[in-house]
PDB file of N, CA and C in Angstrom:
ATOM      1  N   MET A   1     -33.501  10.062 -13.820  1.00  0.00           N
ATOM      2  CA  MET A   1     -32.275  10.726 -13.544  1.00  0.00           C
ATOM      3  C   MET A   1     -31.484   9.200 -14.296  1.00  0.00           C
ATOM      4  N   ARG A   2     -30.453   9.738 -15.029  1.00  0.00           N
ATOM      5  CA  ARG A   2     -29.371   8.550 -15.368  1.00  0.00           C
ATOM      6  C   ARG A   2     -28.116   8.494 -14.823  1.00  0.00           C
ATOM      7  N   ARG A   3     -27.938   7.361 -14.408  1.00  0.00           N
ATOM      8  CA  ARG A   3     -26.647   7.178 -13.771  1.00  0.00           C
ATOM      9  C   ARG A   3     -25.559   6.331 -15.069  1.00  0.00           C
ATOM     10  N   LEU A   4     -24.511   6.871 -15.168  1.00  0.00           N
ATOM     11  CA  LEU A   4     -23.711   6.727 -15.789  1.00  0.00           C
ATOM     12  C   LEU A   4     -22.453   5.837 -15.145  1.00  0.00           C
ATOM     13  N   LEU A   5     -22.467   4.603 -15.596  1.00  0.00           N
ATOM     14  CA  LEU A   5     -21.616   3.624 -15.100  1.00  0.00           C
ATOM     15  C   LEU A   5     -20.554   3.063 -16.014  1.00  0.00           C
ATOM     16  N   SER A   6     -19.350   2.939 -15.255  1.00  0.00           N
ATOM     17  CA  SER A   6     -18.153   3.140 -15.945  1.00  0.00           C
ATOM     18  C   SER A   6     -17.878   1.419 -15.755  1.00  0.00           C
ATOM     19  N   ALA A   7     -16.837   0.619 -16.791  1.00  0.00           N
ATOM     20  CA  ALA A   7     -16.497  -0.701 -16.934  1.00  0.00           C
ATOM     21  C   ALA A   7     -15.616  -1.161 -15.486  1.00  0.00           C
ATOM     22  N   PRO A   8     -16.362  -1.955 -15.179  1.00  0.00           N
ATOM     23  CA  PRO A   8     -15.181  -2.315 -13.514  1.00  0.00           C
ATOM     24  C   PRO A   8     -13.952  -2.137 -13.681  1.00  0.00           C
ATOM     25  N   ALA A   9     -12.856  -2.034 -12.903  1.00  0.00           N
ATOM     26  CA  ALA A   9     -11.614  -2.134 -12.751  1.00  0.00           C
ATOM     27  C   ALA A   9     -11.226  -3.394 -12.807  1.00  0.00           C
ATOM     28  N   ILE A  10      -9.828  -3.829 -13.144  1.00  0.00           N
ATOM     29  CA  ILE A  10      -9.636  -5.045 -13.468  1.00  0.00           C
ATOM     30  C   ILE A  10      -8.195  -5.385 -12.364  1.00  0.00           C
ATOM     31  N   ASP A  11      -7.811  -6.304 -11.585  1.00  0.00           N
ATOM     32  CA  ASP A  11      -6.550  -5.762 -10.930  1.00  0.00           C
ATOM     33  C   ASP A  11      -5.863  -6.985 -11.744  1.00  0.00           C
ATOM     34  N   PRO A  12      -4.611  -6.906 -11.260  1.00  0.00           N
ATOM     35  CA  PRO A  12      -3.274  -7.691 -12.109  1.00  0.00           C
ATOM     36  C   PRO A  12      -3.918  -9.080 -12.441  1.00  0.00           C
ATOM     37  N   HIS A  13      -4.721  -9.497 -11.619  1.00  0.00           N
ATOM     38  CA  HIS A  13      -4.755 -10.641 -12.305  1.00  0.00           C
ATOM     39  C   HIS A  13      -5.877 -11.323 -12.837  1.00  0.00           C
ATOM     40  N   GLY A  14      -6.050 -10.062 -13.290  1.00  0.00           N
ATOM     41  CA  GLY A  14      -7.835 -10.214 -14.715  1.00  0.00           C
ATOM     42  C   GLY A  14      -9.202 -10.010 -13.428  1.00  0.00           C
ATOM     43  N   THR A  15      -9.333 -10.172 -12.247  1.00  0.00           N
ATOM     44  CA  THR A  15     -10.562 -10.139 -11.820  1.00  0.00           C
ATOM     45  C   THR A  15     -11.090  -8.559 -11.551  1.00  0.00           C
ATOM     46  N   PRO A  16     -11.878  -8.516 -11.792  1.00  0.00           N
ATOM     47  CA  PRO A  16     -13.101  -7.422 -11.713  1.00  0.00           C
ATOM     48  C   PRO A  16     -12.683  -6.952 -10.164  1.00  0.00           C
ATOM     49  N   VAL A  17     -13.037  -5.690  -9.978  1.00  0.00           N
ATOM     50  CA  VAL A  17     -12.637  -4.935  -8.704  1.00  0.00           C
ATOM     51  C   VAL A  17     -14.294  -4.238  -8.484  1.00  0.00           C
ATOM     52  N   THR A  18     -14.353  -4.533  -7.284  1.00  0.00           N
ATOM     53  CA  THR A  18     -15.312  -3.850  -6.854  1.00  0.00           C
ATOM     54  C   THR A  18     -15.765  -2.201  -6.510  1.00  0.00           C
ATOM     55  N   THR A  19     -15.614  -1.364  -7.329  1.00  0.00           N
ATOM     56  CA  THR A  19     -15.284   0.164  -7.002  1.00  0.00           C
ATOM     57  C   THR A  19     -16.379   0.892  -5.859  1.00  0.00           C
ATOM     58  N   ALA A  20     -17.359   0.243  -5.975  1.00  0.00           N
ATOM     59  CA  ALA A  20     -18.611   0.976  -5.652  1.00  0.00           C
ATOM     60  C   ALA A  20     -18.672   0.807  -3.417  1.00  0.00           C
ATOM     61  N   VAL A  21     -17.920   0.092  -3.025  1.00  0.00           N
ATOM     62  CA  VAL A  21     -17.619   0.108  -1.827  1.00  0.00           C
ATOM     63  C   VAL A  21     -16.371  -0.025  -1.107  1.00  0.00           C
ATOM     64  N   PHE A  22     -16.046   0.732  -0.503  1.00  0.00           N
ATOM     65  CA  PHE A  22     -14.675   0.893   0.241  1.00  0.00           C
ATOM     66  C   PHE A  22     -14.398   0.625   1.661  1.00  0.00           C
ATOM     67  N   PRO A  23     -13.456   0.073   1.950  1.00  0.00           N
ATOM     68  CA  PRO A  23     -13.417  -0.301   3.813  1.00  0.00           C
ATOM     69  C   PRO A  23     -13.184   0.959   4.558  1.00  0.00           C
ATOM     70  N   ALA A  24     -13.732   1.268   5.780  1.00  0.00           N
ATOM     71  CA  ALA A  24     -13.803   2.391   6.415  1.00  0.00           C
ATOM     72  C   ALA A  24     -11.913   2.503   6.463  1.00  0.00           C
ATOM     73  N   GLU A  25     -11.501   3.945   6.953  1.00  0.00           N
ATOM     74  CA  GLU A  25     -10.474   4.322   7.341  1.00  0.00           C
ATOM     75  C   GLU A  25      -9.507   3.375   7.984  1.00  0.00           C
ATOM     76  N   VAL A  26      -8.623   3.076   8.251  1.00  0.00           N
ATOM     77  CA  VAL A  26      -8.030   2.441   8.921  1.00  0.00           C
ATOM     78  C   VAL A  26      -6.644   3.215   9.193  1.00  0.00           C
ATOM     79  N   ALA A  27      -6.778   3.482  11.122  1.00  0.00           N
ATOM     80  CA  ALA A  27      -5.256   3.770  11.563  1.00  0.00           C
ATOM     81  C   ALA A  27      -4.352   3.044  11.129  1.00  0.00           C
ATOM     82  N   PHE A  28      -3.007   4.160  10.763  1.00  0.00           N
ATOM     83  CA  PHE A  28      -2.012   3.231  10.655  1.00  0.00           C
ATOM     84  C   PHE A  28      -1.044   2.737  12.064  1.00  0.00           C
ATOM     85  N   ASP A  29      -0.932   1.559  12.245  1.00  0.00           N
ATOM     86  CA  ASP A  29      -0.180   1.317  13.511  1.00  0.00           C
ATOM     87  C   ASP A  29       1.177   0.797  13.259  1.00  0.00           C
ATOM     88  N   PRO A  30       2.404   0.805  13.469  1.00  0.00           N
ATOM     89  CA  PRO A  30       3.416   0.461  12.942  1.00  0.00           C
ATOM     90  C   PRO A  30       3.715  -0.859  13.739  1.00  0.00           C
ATOM     91  N   ALA A  31       3.217  -1.286  14.906  1.00  0.00           N
ATOM     92  CA  ALA A  31       3.267  -2.014  15.545  1.00  0.00           C
ATOM     93  C   ALA A  31       2.459  -3.387  15.151  1.00  0.00           C
ATOM     94  N   GLY A  32       1.602  -3.116  14.181  1.00  0.00           N
ATOM     95  CA  GLY A  32       0.682  -3.976  13.567  1.00  0.00           C
ATOM     96  C   GLY A  32       0.848  -4.382  12.389  1.00  0.00           C
ATOM     97  N   PRO A  33       0.835  -5.508  11.751  1.00  0.00           N
ATOM     98  CA  PRO A  33       0.763  -6.696  10.211  1.00  0.00           C
ATOM     99  C   PRO A  33       0.395  -5.848   9.507  1.00  0.00           C
ATOM    100  N   TRP A  34       1.204  -5.523   8.274  1.00  0.00           N
ATOM    101  CA  TRP A  34       0.686  -5.238   7.330  1.00  0.00           C
ATOM    102  C   TRP A  34       0.958  -5.269   5.830  1.00  0.00           C
ATOM    103  N   GLN A  35       0.392  -5.434   4.749  1.00  0.00           N
ATOM    104  CA  GLN A  35       0.918  -6.178   3.631  1.00  0.00           C
ATOM    105  C   GLN A  35       0.338  -4.581   2.837  1.00  0.00           C
ATOM    106  N   ARG A  36       0.897  -5.162   1.017  1.00  0.00           N
ATOM    107  CA  ARG A  36       0.644  -4.202   0.261  1.00  0.00           C
ATOM    108  C   ARG A  36      -0.507  -4.739  -0.266  1.00  0.00           C
ATOM    109  N   ALA A  37      -1.572  -4.067  -0.646  1.00  0.00           N
ATOM    110  CA  ALA A  37      -2.696  -4.099  -0.833  1.00  0.00           C
ATOM    111  C   ALA A  37      -3.469  -5.141  -1.624  1.00  0.00           C
ATOM    112  N   ARG A  38      -4.284  -5.949  -1.470  1.00  0.00           N
ATOM    113  CA  ARG A  38      -4.182  -6.781  -2.653  1.00  0.00           C
ATOM    114  C   ARG A  38      -4.790  -6.724  -4.271  1.00  0.00           C
ATOM    115  N   SER A  39      -5.628  -5.241  -4.052  1.00  0.00           N
ATOM    116  CA  SER A  39      -5.801  -4.558  -5.128  1.00  0.00           C
ATOM    117  C   SER A  39      -4.467  -3.710  -5.807  1.00  0.00           C
ATOM    118  N   VAL A  40      -3.504  -3.869  -5.117  1.00  0.00           N
ATOM    119  CA  VAL A  40      -2.233  -2.230  -5.670  1.00  0.00           C
ATOM    120  C   VAL A  40      -1.431  -3.485  -7.057  1.00  0.00           C
ATOM    121  N   ALA A  41      -0.931  -2.486  -7.590  1.00  0.00           N
ATOM    122  CA  ALA A  41       0.402  -3.322  -8.285  1.00  0.00           C
ATOM    123  C   ALA A  41       1.563  -2.113  -8.356  1.00  0.00           C
ATOM    124  N   LEU A  42       2.868  -2.527  -7.736  1.00  0.00           N
ATOM    125  CA  LEU A  42       3.906  -1.531  -8.275  1.00  0.00           C
ATOM    126  C   LEU A  42       4.808  -1.791  -9.309  1.00  0.00           C
ATOM    127  N   ARG A  43       4.888  -0.523 -10.077  1.00  0.00           N
ATOM    128  CA  ARG A  43       5.681  -0.878 -11.565  1.00  0.00           C
ATOM    129  C   ARG A  43       7.439   0.216 -10.800  1.00  0.00           C
ATOM    130  N   PRO A  44       8.322  -0.942 -10.979  1.00  0.00           N
ATOM    131  CA  PRO A  44       9.417  -0.456 -10.608  1.00  0.00           C
ATOM    132  C   PRO A  44      10.071   0.627 -11.601  1.00  0.00           C
ATOM    133  N   GLU A  45      10.399   2.111 -10.992  1.00  0.00           N
ATOM    134  CA  GLU A  45      10.916   3.318 -12.111  1.00  0.00           C
ATOM    135  C   GLU A  45      12.190   3.715 -11.540  1.00  0.00           C
ATOM    136  N   PRO A  46      13.215   4.340 -12.131  1.00  0.00           N
ATOM    137  CA  PRO A  46      14.291   4.482 -11.647  1.00  0.00           C
ATOM    138  C   PRO A  46      14.307   5.045 -10.458  1.00  0.00           C
ATOM    139  N   PHE A  47      13.501   5.902 -10.462  1.00  0.00           N
ATOM    140  CA  PHE A  47      13.329   7.144  -8.825  1.00  0.00           C
ATOM    141  C   PHE A  47      12.593   6.006  -7.827  1.00  0.00           C
ATOM    142  N   GLY A  48      12.103   4.894  -8.340  1.00  0.00           N
ATOM    143  CA  GLY A  48      11.454   4.348  -6.764  1.00  0.00           C
ATOM    144  C   GLY A  48      10.403   3.252  -7.594  1.00  0.00           C
ATOM    145  N   ALA A  49       9.180   3.921  -7.298  1.00  0.00           N
ATOM    146  CA  ALA A  49       8.055   2.919  -8.166  1.00  0.00           C
ATOM    147  C   ALA A  49       6.705   3.807  -8.693  1.00  0.00           C
ATOM    148  N   LEU A  50       5.875   3.455  -9.311  1.00  0.00           N
ATOM    149  CA  LEU A  50       4.685   3.498  -9.339  1.00  0.00           C
ATOM    150  C   LEU A  50       3.895   3.027  -8.585  1.00  0.00           C
ATOM    151  N   VAL A  51       2.650   3.572  -7.905  1.00  0.00           N
ATOM    152  CA  VAL A  51       1.858   2.505  -7.215  1.00  0.00           C
ATOM    153  C   VAL A  51       0.710   2.817  -7.692  1.00  0.00           C
ATOM    154  N   TYR A  52      -0.074   1.480  -7.710  1.00  0.00           N
ATOM    155  CA  TYR A  52      -1.440   1.467  -8.623  1.00  0.00           C
ATOM    156  C   TYR A  52      -2.376   0.791  -7.896  1.00  0.00           C
ATOM    157  N   HIS A  53      -3.765   1.351  -7.290  1.00  0.00           N
ATOM    158  CA  HIS A  53      -4.526   0.969  -7.063  1.00  0.00           C
ATOM    159  C   HIS A  53      -6.163   0.610  -8.005  1.00  0.00           C
ATOM    160  N   PHE A  54      -6.397  -0.705  -8.394  1.00  0.00           N
ATOM    161  CA  PHE A  54      -7.228  -1.054  -9.361  1.00  0.00           C
ATOM    162  C   PHE A  54      -8.862  -0.901  -9.079  1.00  0.00           C
ATOM    163  N   GLY A  55      -8.812  -0.611  -7.476  1.00  0.00           N
ATOM    164  CA  GLY A  55     -10.022  -0.578  -7.155  1.00  0.00           C
ATOM    165  C   GLY A  55     -10.462   0.814  -7.075  1.00  0.00           C
ATOM    166  N   ASN A  56      -9.579   1.934  -6.053  1.00  0.00           N
ATOM    167  CA  ASN A  56     -10.036   3.435  -6.149  1.00  0.00           C
ATOM    168  C   ASN A  56      -9.299   3.852  -7.480  1.00  0.00           C
ATOM    169  N   ARG A  57      -8.662   3.406  -8.044  1.00  0.00           N
ATOM    170  CA  ARG A  57      -7.822   4.068  -9.527  1.00  0.00           C
ATOM    171  C   ARG A  57      -6.957   5.010  -8.857  1.00  0.00           C
ATOM    172  N   LYS A  58      -6.216   5.067  -7.838  1.00  0.00           N
ATOM    173  CA  LYS A  58      -5.658   5.850  -7.042  1.00  0.00           C
ATOM    174  C   LYS A  58      -3.463   5.683  -7.971  1.00  0.00           C
ATOM    175  N   LEU A  59      -2.940   6.256  -8.349  1.00  0.00           N
ATOM    176  CA  LEU A  59      -2.034   6.433  -8.450  1.00  0.00           C
ATOM    177  C   LEU A  59      -1.180   7.485  -7.785  1.00  0.00           C
ATOM    178  N   SER A  60       0.355   6.541  -6.844  1.00  0.00           N
ATOM    179  CA  SER A  60       1.205   7.349  -6.008  1.00  0.00           C
ATOM    180  C   SER A  60       2.545   7.159  -6.636  1.00  0.00           C
ATOM    181  N   PHE A  61       3.214   7.493  -6.534  1.00  0.00           N
ATOM    182  CA  PHE A  61       4.766   7.605  -6.439  1.00  0.00           C
ATOM    183  C   PHE A  61       5.974   7.377  -5.158  1.00  0.00           C
ATOM    184  N   LEU A  62       6.172   6.482  -5.406  1.00  0.00           N
ATOM    185  CA  LEU A  62       7.503   6.441  -4.768  1.00  0.00           C
ATOM    186  C   LEU A  62       8.933   6.822  -4.719  1.00  0.00           C
ATOM    187  N   LYS A  63       9.202   7.661  -3.913  1.00  0.00           N
ATOM    188  CA  LYS A  63      10.287   8.286  -4.211  1.00  0.00           C
ATOM    189  C   LYS A  63      11.882   7.584  -3.514  1.00  0.00           C
ATOM    190  N   SER A  64      11.359   6.643  -3.349  1.00  0.00           N
ATOM    191  CA  SER A  64      12.718   6.272  -2.556  1.00  0.00           C
ATOM    192  C   SER A  64      12.484   4.914  -3.007  1.00  0.00           C
ATOM    193  N   LYS A  65      13.895   3.955  -3.245  1.00  0.00           N
ATOM    194  CA  LYS A  65      13.816   2.237  -3.340  1.00  0.00           C
ATOM    195  C   LYS A  65      13.902   1.741  -2.314  1.00  0.00           C
ATOM    196  N   THR A  66      14.578   3.142  -0.800  1.00  0.00           N
ATOM    197  CA  THR A  66      13.882   1.837   0.364  1.00  0.00           C
ATOM    198  C   THR A  66      12.530   1.659   0.729  1.00  0.00           C
ATOM    199  N   LEU A  67      11.797   2.804   0.099  1.00  0.00           N
ATOM    200  CA  LEU A  67      10.434   2.528   0.471  1.00  0.00           C
ATOM    201  C   LEU A  67       9.890   1.772  -0.341  1.00  0.00           C
ATOM    202  N   VAL A  68      10.170   1.433  -1.654  1.00  0.00           N
ATOM    203  CA  VAL A  68       9.650   0.364  -2.039  1.00  0.00           C
ATOM    204  C   VAL A  68      10.080  -1.344  -1.606  1.00  0.00           C
ATOM    205  N   ALA A  69      11.324  -1.231  -0.879  1.00  0.00           N
ATOM    206  CA  ALA A  69      11.660  -2.171  -0.464  1.00  0.00           C
ATOM    207  C   ALA A  69      10.326  -2.779   0.694  1.00  0.00           C
ATOM    208  N   VAL A  70      10.439  -1.536   1.359  1.00  0.00           N
ATOM    209  CA  VAL A  70       9.738  -1.902   2.881  1.00  0.00           C
ATOM    210  C   VAL A  70       7.982  -1.955   2.320  1.00  0.00           C
ATOM    211  N   VAL A  71       7.743  -1.919   1.448  1.00  0.00           N
ATOM    212  CA  VAL A  71       6.318  -1.974   1.276  1.00  0.00           C
ATOM    213  C   VAL A  71       6.058  -3.332   0.653  1.00  0.00           C
ATOM    214  N   GLU A  72       7.368  -3.840  -0.488  1.00  0.00           N
ATOM    215  CA  GLU A  72       7.568  -5.083  -0.968  1.00  0.00           C
ATOM    216  C   GLU A  72       7.353  -5.925   0.628  1.00  0.00           C
ATOM    217  N   ALA A  73       8.257  -6.219   1.161  1.00  0.00           N
ATOM    218  CA  ALA A  73       8.526  -6.726   2.519  1.00  0.00           C
ATOM    219  C   ALA A  73       7.641  -6.398   3.815  1.00  0.00           C
ATOM    220  N   LEU A  74       6.490  -5.884   3.595  1.00  0.00           N
ATOM    221  CA  LEU A  74       5.841  -5.831   4.856  1.00  0.00           C
ATOM    222  C   LEU A  74       5.359  -7.225   5.001  1.00  0.00           C
ATOM    223  N   ALA A  75       4.378  -8.046   4.074  1.00  0.00           N
ATOM    224  CA  ALA A  75       3.907  -9.579   4.542  1.00  0.00           C
ATOM    225  C   ALA A  75       4.902 -10.436   4.866  1.00  0.00           C
ATOM    226  N   ASP A  76       6.151 -10.131   4.556  1.00  0.00           N
ATOM    227  CA  ASP A  76       7.502 -10.896   5.506  1.00  0.00           C
ATOM    228  C   ASP A  76       7.587 -10.578   6.954  1.00  0.00           C
ATOM    229  N   HIS A  77       7.249  -9.746   7.321  1.00  0.00           N
ATOM    230  CA  HIS A  77       7.668  -9.147   8.720  1.00  0.00           C
ATOM    231  C   HIS A  77       6.276  -9.048   9.551  1.00  0.00           C
ATOM    232  N   PRO A  78       6.515  -9.508  11.361  1.00  0.00           N
ATOM    233  CA  PRO A  78       5.328  -9.361  12.258  1.00  0.00           C
ATOM    234  C   PRO A  78       4.740  -7.842  12.507  1.00  0.00           C
ATOM    235  N   SER A  79       5.681  -7.016  11.928  1.00  0.00           N
ATOM    236  CA  SER A  79       4.809  -5.540  11.726  1.00  0.00           C
ATOM    237  C   SER A  79       5.346  -4.506  11.124  1.00  0.00           C
ATOM    238  N   ALA A  80       5.225  -3.362  10.847  1.00  0.00           N
ATOM    239  CA  ALA A  80       5.451  -2.466  10.045  1.00  0.00           C
ATOM    240  C   ALA A  80       6.840  -1.908  10.477  1.00  0.00           C
ATOM    241  N   SER A  81       7.258  -1.653  11.857  1.00  0.00           N
ATOM    242  CA  SER A  81       8.479  -1.676  12.790  1.00  0.00           C
ATOM    243  C   SER A  81       9.640  -2.907  12.126  1.00  0.00           C
ATOM    244  N   ALA A  82       9.271  -3.330  12.363  1.00  0.00           N
ATOM    245  CA  ALA A  82       9.981  -5.041  12.326  1.00  0.00           C
ATOM    246  C   ALA A  82      10.365  -4.828  10.723  1.00  0.00           C
ATOM    247  N   THR A  83       9.277  -4.347   9.993  1.00  0.00           N
ATOM    248  CA  THR A  83       9.976  -4.227   8.640  1.00  0.00           C
ATOM    249  C   THR A  83      10.968  -3.046   7.852  1.00  0.00           C
ATOM    250  N   LEU A  84      11.027  -2.153   8.851  1.00  0.00           N
ATOM    251  CA  LEU A  84      11.716  -0.775   8.923  1.00  0.00           C
ATOM    252  C   LEU A  84      13.000  -1.565   9.395  1.00  0.00           C
ATOM    253  N   VAL A  85      13.274  -1.846  10.424  1.00  0.00           N
ATOM    254  CA  VAL A  85      14.474  -2.517  10.848  1.00  0.00           C
ATOM    255  C   VAL A  85      14.951  -3.145   9.607  1.00  0.00           C
ATOM    256  N   ALA A  86      14.238  -4.542   9.451  1.00  0.00           N
ATOM    257  CA  ALA A  86      14.562  -5.794   8.277  1.00  0.00           C
ATOM    258  C   ALA A  86      15.068  -4.669   7.111  1.00  0.00           C
ATOM    259  N   CYS A  87      14.754  -3.416   6.421  1.00  0.00           N
ATOM    260  CA  CYS A  87      15.082  -3.058   5.388  1.00  0.00           C
ATOM    261  C   CYS A  87      16.182  -2.012   5.952  1.00  0.00           C
ATOM    262  N   GLY A  88      16.502  -1.837   6.554  1.00  0.00           N
ATOM    263  CA  GLY A  88      17.770  -1.119   7.283  1.00  0.00           C
ATOM    264  C   GLY A  88      17.497   0.465   7.339  1.00  0.00           C
ATOM    265  N   VAL A  89      16.311   0.687   7.509  1.00  0.00           N
ATOM    266  CA  VAL A  89      15.965   2.120   8.061  1.00  0.00           C
ATOM    267  C   VAL A  89      16.322   2.699   9.409  1.00  0.00           C
ATOM    268  N   SER A  90      17.163   3.553   9.093  1.00  0.00           N
ATOM    269  CA  SER A  90      18.085   4.013  10.572  1.00  0.00           C
ATOM    270  C   SER A  90      17.014   4.539  11.581  1.00  0.00           C
ATOM    271  N   GLU A  91      17.151   4.400  12.982  1.00  0.00           N
ATOM    272  CA  GLU A  91      15.606   5.216  13.981  1.00  0.00           C
ATOM    273  C   GLU A  91      15.468   6.492  13.429  1.00  0.00           C
ATOM    274  N   ALA A  92      16.768   7.253  13.498  1.00  0.00           N
ATOM    275  CA  ALA A  92      16.189   8.386  12.621  1.00  0.00           C
ATOM    276  C   ALA A  92      15.745   9.205  11.944  1.00  0.00           C
ATOM    277  N   GLN A  93      15.836   7.957  11.118  1.00  0.00           N
ATOM    278  CA  GLN A  93      14.582   8.386   9.694  1.00  0.00           C
ATOM    279  C   GLN A  93      13.358   7.614   9.993  1.00  0.00           C
ATOM    280  N   ARG A  94      12.916   6.390  11.083  1.00  0.00           N
ATOM    281  CA  ARG A  94      11.431   5.665  11.195  1.00  0.00           C
ATOM    282  C   ARG A  94      10.419   6.910  11.480  1.00  0.00           C
ATOM    283  N   PRO A  95      10.671   7.963  11.289  1.00  0.00           N
ATOM    284  CA  PRO A  95       9.609   8.706  11.840  1.00  0.00           C
ATOM    285  C   PRO A  95       8.786   8.985  10.171  1.00  0.00           C
ATOM    286  N   ALA A  96       9.809   9.348   9.397  1.00  0.00           N
ATOM    287  CA  ALA A  96       9.598   9.625   8.068  1.00  0.00           C
ATOM    288  C   ALA A  96       8.916   8.710   7.465  1.00  0.00           C
ATOM    289  N   TYR A  97       9.416   7.206   7.224  1.00  0.00           N
ATOM    290  CA  TYR A  97       8.840   5.967   6.627  1.00  0.00           C
ATOM    291  C   TYR A  97       7.746   5.882   7.462  1.00  0.00           C
ATOM    292  N   GLU A  98       7.724   5.869   8.777  1.00  0.00           N
ATOM    293  CA  GLU A  98       6.299   5.867   9.177  1.00  0.00           C
ATOM    294  C   GLU A  98       5.028   6.624   8.898  1.00  0.00           C
ATOM    295  N   LYS A  99       5.447   8.059   8.238  1.00  0.00           N
ATOM    296  CA  LYS A  99       4.271   9.083   8.189  1.00  0.00           C
ATOM    297  C   LYS A  99       4.014   8.436   6.483  1.00  0.00           C
ATOM    298  N   ALA A 100       5.024   8.152   5.841  1.00  0.00           N
ATOM    299  CA  ALA A 100       4.885   7.859   4.674  1.00  0.00           C
ATOM    300  C   ALA A 100       4.000   6.316   4.448  1.00  0.00           C
ATOM    301  N   LEU A 101       4.141   5.271   5.360  1.00  0.00           N
ATOM    302  CA  LEU A 101       3.443   4.474   5.053  1.00  0.00           C
ATOM    303  C   LEU A 101       2.033   4.712   5.833  1.00  0.00           C
ATOM    304  N   ALA A 102       1.935   5.179   6.772  1.00  0.00           N
ATOM    305  CA  ALA A 102       0.187   6.108   6.978  1.00  0.00           C
ATOM    306  C   ALA A 102      -0.063   6.730   5.912  1.00  0.00           C
ATOM    307  N   ASP A 103       0.503   7.570   5.403  1.00  0.00           N
ATOM    308  CA  ASP A 103      -0.234   7.888   4.036  1.00  0.00           C
ATOM    309  C   ASP A 103      -0.764   7.171   2.786  1.00  0.00           C
ATOM    310  N   LEU A 104       0.150   5.964   2.698  1.00  0.00           N
ATOM    311  CA  LEU A 104       0.327   4.936   1.627  1.00  0.00           C
ATOM    312  C   LEU A 104      -1.423   3.924   2.671  1.00  0.00           C
ATOM    313  N   ALA A 105      -1.803   3.883   4.174  1.00  0.00           N
ATOM    314  CA  ALA A 105      -2.724   3.193   4.349  1.00  0.00           C
ATOM    315  C   ALA A 105      -3.816   4.098   4.356  1.00  0.00           C
ATOM    316  N   ARG A 106      -3.620   5.383   4.333  1.00  0.00           N
ATOM    317  CA  ARG A 106      -5.045   6.045   4.198  1.00  0.00           C
ATOM    318  C   ARG A 106      -5.328   5.996   2.750  1.00  0.00           C
ATOM    319  N   SER A 107      -4.686   6.039   1.822  1.00  0.00           N
ATOM    320  CA  SER A 107      -5.210   6.173   0.140  1.00  0.00           C
ATOM    321  C   SER A 107      -5.074   4.677   0.161  1.00  0.00           C
ATOM    322  N   GLN A 108      -4.865   3.481   0.903  1.00  0.00           N
ATOM    323  CA  GLN A 108      -5.448   1.896   0.654  1.00  0.00           C
ATOM    324  C   GLN A 108      -4.664   1.393   0.060  1.00  0.00           C
ATOM    325  N   MET A 109      -3.300   1.844   0.016  1.00  0.00           N
ATOM    326  CA  MET A 109      -2.111   1.360  -0.846  1.00  0.00           C
ATOM    327  C   MET A 109      -1.679  -0.011   0.264  1.00  0.00           C
ATOM    328  N   ILE A 110      -1.814   0.561   1.040  1.00  0.00           N
ATOM    329  CA  ILE A 110      -1.133  -1.163   2.183  1.00  0.00           C
ATOM    330  C   ILE A 110      -2.822  -1.009   3.010  1.00  0.00           C
ATOM    331  N   GLU A 111      -2.844  -2.552   3.553  1.00  0.00           N
ATOM    332  CA  GLU A 111      -3.733  -2.695   4.127  1.00  0.00           C
ATOM    333  C   GLU A 111      -3.007  -3.765   5.245  1.00  0.00           C
ATOM    334  N   PRO A 112      -3.970  -3.681   6.730  1.00  0.00           N
ATOM    335  CA  PRO A 112      -3.643  -4.236   7.881  1.00  0.00           C
ATOM    336  C   PRO A 112      -4.033  -6.200   7.292  1.00  0.00           C
ATOM    337  N   ARG A 113      -2.974  -6.884   7.862  1.00  0.00           N
ATOM    338  CA  ARG A 113      -2.460  -7.827   7.383  1.00  0.00           C
ATOM    339  C   ARG A 113      -3.621  -8.954   8.768  1.00  0.00           C
ATOM    340  N   GLU A 114      -4.114  -9.933   7.898  1.00  0.00           N
ATOM    341  CA  GLU A 114      -4.839 -10.629   9.335  1.00  0.00           C
ATOM    342  C   GLU A 114      -3.668 -11.234   9.577  1.00  0.00           C
ATOM    343  N   THR A 115      -3.538 -11.798  11.203  1.00  0.00           N
ATOM    344  CA  THR A 115      -2.637 -13.108  11.640  1.00  0.00           C
ATOM    345  C   THR A 115      -3.507 -14.178  11.732  1.00  0.00           C
ATOM    346  N   PRO A 116      -2.152 -15.305  11.563  1.00  0.00           N
ATOM    347  CA  PRO A 116      -3.323 -16.864  12.041  1.00  0.00           C
ATOM    348  C   PRO A 116      -3.466 -17.220  12.950  1.00  0.00           C
TER     349      PRO A 116
END
């Protein structure tokens, strides 16, 4: 049996990314600390941003500039909930943004952040 191997993916810093093993799916908890995944690049666009994961080669579209700001600010706040507040997301909009963040966590675009 022949196995086809492709060239390894390269992250934005030129480092090869292993694509064979992925961590188990992590449940999104808005009370926890999160960050944009290390293997993910954001490219600003007029509609929001393109998000590309160099490890699993997934491409996503963020169709809200506020959501882009939230994803970029996750590492600067103690929790995803605190990030939403800091980015001016209203209480009424929070469930929709939490769902979007949960989808990004499921697709490994954001990841839990270790706290010191």
